[in-house]
Amino acid sequence: MRRIMRTSVRAILLDEEDRLMLIRRTKPGQAPYLTTPGGGVESTDASLEAALRRELYEELGAEADRFAQVFLFTAPTGQGVAVQHFFVCRLLQLNEDARTGQEFADPSRGGYQLGRLRIDELPAVDLKPDALKGFITSNEEALLSV
């Protein structure tokens, strides 16, 4: 069994119009792509959901509710694996001026632009990880029912 090197949490975050809240990542030397908000679980996080609530506030200035873990993605990294826990949840409020964290303090990390997208628009975009796009489009009705 390979060792878990990194654990992270990510949100399939839906707004009041059933659009996905996504982050357009631009990194030096790479093509832009979309990803879901979230990040690494810290030792001080009481739970995976607590880590995701923290990450949503840091990355988006957002608060959400109705969290349900729906997808797990594992990928090789270094000498082990990285595990991402995906939760579907609903946006309660958003204040982009409240965004904080390393992402915004260090310009060398690239850009983090918030966007909204309908699920039927997903096939035309580069969403990371790739397996997430298929999961969301295959489970649209179930995800929107949260």
C-alpha atoms as a PDB file:
ATOM      1  CA  MET A   1       0.000   0.000   0.000  1.00  0.00           C
ATOM      2  CA  ARG A   2       1.342   3.431  -0.929  1.00  0.00           C
ATOM      3  CA  ARG A   3       1.479   6.175   1.662  1.00  0.00           C
ATOM      4  CA  ILE A   4      -0.909   9.138   1.467  1.00  0.00           C
ATOM      5  CA  MET A   5       1.362  12.112   0.885  1.00  0.00           C
ATOM      6  CA  ARG A   6      -1.315  14.808   0.639  1.00  0.00           C
ATOM      7  CA  THR A   7      -4.991  15.007   1.570  1.00  0.00           C
ATOM      8  CA  SER A   8      -7.140  17.782   0.189  1.00  0.00           C
ATOM      9  CA  VAL A   9     -10.781  18.792   0.039  1.00  0.00           C
ATOM     10  CA  ARG A  10     -12.625  20.359  -2.878  1.00  0.00           C
ATOM     11  CA  ALA A  11     -16.115  21.748  -3.422  1.00  0.00           C
ATOM     12  CA  ILE A  12     -18.524  21.089  -6.226  1.00  0.00           C
ATOM     13  CA  LEU A  13     -20.024  24.409  -5.200  1.00  0.00           C
ATOM     14  CA  LEU A  14     -23.394  25.360  -6.694  1.00  0.00           C
ATOM     15  CA  ASP A  15     -24.843  28.854  -6.679  1.00  0.00           C
ATOM     16  CA  GLU A  16     -28.517  29.876  -6.477  1.00  0.00           C
ATOM     17  CA  GLU A  17     -28.885  29.367 -10.257  1.00  0.00           C
ATOM     18  CA  ASP A  18     -27.378  25.830 -10.174  1.00  0.00           C
ATOM     19  CA  ARG A  19     -24.124  27.037 -11.737  1.00  0.00           C
ATOM     20  CA  LEU A  20     -20.761  25.620 -10.682  1.00  0.00           C
ATOM     21  CA  MET A  21     -18.400  28.020  -8.938  1.00  0.00           C
ATOM     22  CA  LEU A  22     -14.996  27.305 -10.467  1.00  0.00           C
ATOM     23  CA  ILE A  23     -11.540  28.839 -10.347  1.00  0.00           C
ATOM     24  CA  ARG A  24      -9.668  29.608 -13.554  1.00  0.00           C
ATOM     25  CA  ARG A  25      -6.032  28.859 -12.761  1.00  0.00           C
ATOM     26  CA  THR A  26      -3.274  30.489 -14.690  1.00  0.00           C
ATOM     27  CA  LYS A  27       0.245  29.356 -13.891  1.00  0.00           C
ATOM     28  CA  PRO A  28       3.453  30.501 -15.533  1.00  0.00           C
ATOM     29  CA  GLY A  29       4.414  28.081 -18.293  1.00  0.00           C
ATOM     30  CA  GLN A  30       1.097  26.173 -18.297  1.00  0.00           C
ATOM     31  CA  ALA A  31      -2.144  26.447 -20.245  1.00  0.00           C
ATOM     32  CA  PRO A  32      -5.011  27.888 -18.147  1.00  0.00           C
ATOM     33  CA  TYR A  33      -7.471  25.373 -16.688  1.00  0.00           C
ATOM     34  CA  LEU A  34     -10.487  25.279 -14.393  1.00  0.00           C
ATOM     35  CA  THR A  35     -10.603  23.656 -10.984  1.00  0.00           C
ATOM     36  CA  THR A  36     -12.949  23.493  -8.052  1.00  0.00           C
ATOM     37  CA  PRO A  37     -12.279  25.574  -4.941  1.00  0.00           C
ATOM     38  CA  GLY A  38     -10.509  23.857  -2.075  1.00  0.00           C
ATOM     39  CA  GLY A  39      -7.091  22.884  -0.841  1.00  0.00           C
ATOM     40  CA  GLY A  40      -5.028  20.959   1.635  1.00  0.00           C
ATOM     41  CA  VAL A  41      -6.285  19.593   4.928  1.00  0.00           C
ATOM     42  CA  GLU A  42      -4.312  21.023   7.847  1.00  0.00           C
ATOM     43  CA  SER A  43      -3.573  19.328  11.171  1.00  0.00           C
ATOM     44  CA  THR A  44      -5.694  21.962  12.935  1.00  0.00           C
ATOM     45  CA  ASP A  45      -8.834  21.165  10.878  1.00  0.00           C
ATOM     46  CA  ALA A  46     -11.402  19.333  13.008  1.00  0.00           C
ATOM     47  CA  SER A  47     -12.790  17.411  10.008  1.00  0.00           C
ATOM     48  CA  LEU A  48     -12.762  17.280   6.227  1.00  0.00           C
ATOM     49  CA  GLU A  49     -15.845  19.500   6.141  1.00  0.00           C
ATOM     50  CA  ALA A  50     -14.201  22.004   8.490  1.00  0.00           C
ATOM     51  CA  ALA A  51     -11.164  22.087   6.191  1.00  0.00           C
ATOM     52  CA  LEU A  52     -13.385  22.746   3.189  1.00  0.00           C
ATOM     53  CA  ARG A  53     -15.290  25.517   4.963  1.00  0.00           C
ATOM     54  CA  ARG A  54     -11.940  27.152   5.783  1.00  0.00           C
ATOM     55  CA  GLU A  55     -10.695  26.766   2.213  1.00  0.00           C
ATOM     56  CA  LEU A  56     -13.897  28.202   0.719  1.00  0.00           C
ATOM     57  CA  TYR A  57     -13.564  31.269   2.883  1.00  0.00           C
ATOM     58  CA  GLU A  58      -9.847  31.688   2.132  1.00  0.00           C
ATOM     59  CA  GLU A  59     -10.123  31.163  -1.643  1.00  0.00           C
ATOM     60  CA  LEU A  60     -13.493  32.759  -2.369  1.00  0.00           C
ATOM     61  CA  GLY A  61     -14.627  34.647   0.711  1.00  0.00           C
ATOM     62  CA  ALA A  62     -17.533  32.178   0.562  1.00  0.00           C
ATOM     63  CA  GLU A  63     -19.801  30.415   2.996  1.00  0.00           C
ATOM     64  CA  ALA A  64     -21.740  27.313   2.024  1.00  0.00           C
ATOM     65  CA  ASP A  65     -24.083  24.712   3.471  1.00  0.00           C
ATOM     66  CA  ARG A  66     -25.626  21.315   2.669  1.00  0.00           C
ATOM     67  CA  PHE A  67     -22.251  19.538   2.419  1.00  0.00           C
ATOM     68  CA  ALA A  68     -22.261  15.948   1.159  1.00  0.00           C
ATOM     69  CA  GLN A  69     -19.129  14.019   0.227  1.00  0.00           C
ATOM     70  CA  VAL A  70     -19.727  12.582  -3.252  1.00  0.00           C
ATOM     71  CA  PHE A  71     -16.424  11.766  -4.971  1.00  0.00           C
ATOM     72  CA  LEU A  72     -12.938  10.597  -4.083  1.00  0.00           C
ATOM     73  CA  PHE A  73      -9.952  10.986  -6.396  1.00  0.00           C
ATOM     74  CA  THR A  74      -6.522   9.445  -5.854  1.00  0.00           C
ATOM     75  CA  ALA A  75      -3.442  10.157  -7.945  1.00  0.00           C
ATOM     76  CA  PRO A  76       0.196   9.090  -7.641  1.00  0.00           C
ATOM     77  CA  THR A  77       2.566  11.723  -6.301  1.00  0.00           C
ATOM     78  CA  GLY A  78       6.204  11.356  -5.297  1.00  0.00           C
ATOM     79  CA  GLN A  79       6.575   8.224  -3.183  1.00  0.00           C
ATOM     80  CA  GLY A  80       2.843   7.835  -2.499  1.00  0.00           C
ATOM     81  CA  VAL A  81      -0.562   9.169  -3.458  1.00  0.00           C
ATOM     82  CA  ALA A  82      -2.556  12.374  -3.173  1.00  0.00           C
ATOM     83  CA  VAL A  83      -6.188  11.986  -2.126  1.00  0.00           C
ATOM     84  CA  GLN A  84      -8.849  14.579  -2.913  1.00  0.00           C
ATOM     85  CA  HIS A  85     -12.237  14.447  -1.162  1.00  0.00           C
ATOM     86  CA  PHE A  86     -14.971  16.190  -3.171  1.00  0.00           C
ATOM     87  CA  PHE A  87     -18.097  17.548  -1.514  1.00  0.00           C
ATOM     88  CA  VAL A  88     -21.152  18.978  -3.227  1.00  0.00           C
ATOM     89  CA  CYS A  89     -22.494  22.041  -1.399  1.00  0.00           C
ATOM     90  CA  ARG A  90     -24.580  25.160  -1.879  1.00  0.00           C
ATOM     91  CA  LEU A  91     -23.275  28.722  -1.835  1.00  0.00           C
ATOM     92  CA  LEU A  92     -24.788  30.909   0.895  1.00  0.00           C
ATOM     93  CA  GLN A  93     -22.762  34.073   0.412  1.00  0.00           C
ATOM     94  CA  LEU A  94     -19.716  35.331  -1.420  1.00  0.00           C
ATOM     95  CA  ASN A  95     -17.370  38.234  -0.680  1.00  0.00           C
ATOM     96  CA  GLU A  96     -14.340  38.130  -2.969  1.00  0.00           C
ATOM     97  CA  ASP A  97     -12.799  41.047  -1.048  1.00  0.00           C
ATOM     98  CA  ALA A  98     -12.420  38.680   1.952  1.00  0.00           C
ATOM     99  CA  ARG A  99     -10.142  36.246   0.072  1.00  0.00           C
ATOM    100  CA  THR A 100      -6.890  35.490   1.904  1.00  0.00           C
ATOM    101  CA  GLY A 101      -4.028  33.034   1.823  1.00  0.00           C
ATOM    102  CA  GLN A 102      -0.751  32.264   0.098  1.00  0.00           C
ATOM    103  CA  GLU A 103      -2.465  32.126  -3.294  1.00  0.00           C
ATOM    104  CA  PHE A 104      -3.088  35.858  -3.241  1.00  0.00           C
ATOM    105  CA  ALA A 105       0.058  36.997  -1.418  1.00  0.00           C
ATOM    106  CA  ASP A 106       2.503  35.387  -3.861  1.00  0.00           C
ATOM    107  CA  PRO A 107       2.110  36.495  -7.504  1.00  0.00           C
ATOM    108  CA  SER A 108       4.518  33.765  -8.664  1.00  0.00           C
ATOM    109  CA  ARG A 109       1.749  31.221  -7.939  1.00  0.00           C
ATOM    110  CA  GLY A 110      -0.291  32.579 -10.855  1.00  0.00           C
ATOM    111  CA  GLY A 111      -3.877  33.733 -11.085  1.00  0.00           C
ATOM    112  CA  TYR A 112      -7.078  32.588  -9.376  1.00  0.00           C
ATOM    113  CA  GLN A 113     -10.095  34.008 -11.197  1.00  0.00           C
ATOM    114  CA  LEU A 114     -13.569  33.030 -10.037  1.00  0.00           C
ATOM    115  CA  GLY A 115     -16.097  31.967 -12.658  1.00  0.00           C
ATOM    116  CA  ARG A 116     -19.510  30.363 -12.929  1.00  0.00           C
ATOM    117  CA  LEU A 117     -20.474  27.666 -15.391  1.00  0.00           C
ATOM    118  CA  ARG A 118     -23.550  25.560 -16.079  1.00  0.00           C
ATOM    119  CA  ILE A 119     -22.963  21.811 -15.932  1.00  0.00           C
ATOM    120  CA  ASP A 120     -23.952  21.433 -19.585  1.00  0.00           C
ATOM    121  CA  GLU A 121     -20.996  23.723 -20.467  1.00  0.00           C
ATOM    122  CA  LEU A 122     -18.416  21.414 -18.830  1.00  0.00           C
ATOM    123  CA  PRO A 123     -17.614  19.288 -21.904  1.00  0.00           C
ATOM    124  CA  ALA A 124     -16.093  22.343 -23.611  1.00  0.00           C
ATOM    125  CA  VAL A 125     -13.631  23.241 -20.821  1.00  0.00           C
ATOM    126  CA  ASP A 126     -10.453  21.849 -19.271  1.00  0.00           C
ATOM    127  CA  LEU A 127     -11.511  20.895 -15.731  1.00  0.00           C
ATOM    128  CA  LYS A 128      -8.939  19.340 -13.400  1.00  0.00           C
ATOM    129  CA  PRO A 129      -8.806  16.585 -12.375  1.00  0.00           C
ATOM    130  CA  ASP A 130     -10.075  15.155 -15.656  1.00  0.00           C
ATOM    131  CA  ALA A 131     -12.115  12.421 -13.935  1.00  0.00           C
ATOM    132  CA  LEU A 132     -14.182  15.062 -12.150  1.00  0.00           C
ATOM    133  CA  LYS A 133     -15.757  16.357 -15.364  1.00  0.00           C
ATOM    134  CA  GLY A 134     -17.182  12.923 -16.175  1.00  0.00           C
ATOM    135  CA  PHE A 135     -18.416  12.443 -12.631  1.00  0.00           C
ATOM    136  CA  ILE A 136     -20.247  15.785 -12.581  1.00  0.00           C
ATOM    137  CA  THR A 137     -21.850  15.402 -16.011  1.00  0.00           C
ATOM    138  CA  SER A 138     -22.905  11.804 -15.285  1.00  0.00           C
ATOM    139  CA  ASN A 139     -24.451  12.763 -11.945  1.00  0.00           C
ATOM    140  CA  GLU A 140     -25.942  16.177 -12.747  1.00  0.00           C
ATOM    141  CA  GLU A 141     -29.443  15.465 -11.426  1.00  0.00           C
ATOM    142  CA  ALA A 142     -28.213  14.018  -8.154  1.00  0.00           C
ATOM    143  CA  LEU A 143     -25.765  16.887  -7.576  1.00  0.00           C
ATOM    144  CA  LEU A 144     -28.373  19.562  -8.316  1.00  0.00           C
ATOM    145  CA  SER A 145     -30.794  17.946  -5.854  1.00  0.00           C
ATOM    146  CA  VAL A 146     -28.532  18.859  -2.903  1.00  0.00           C
END
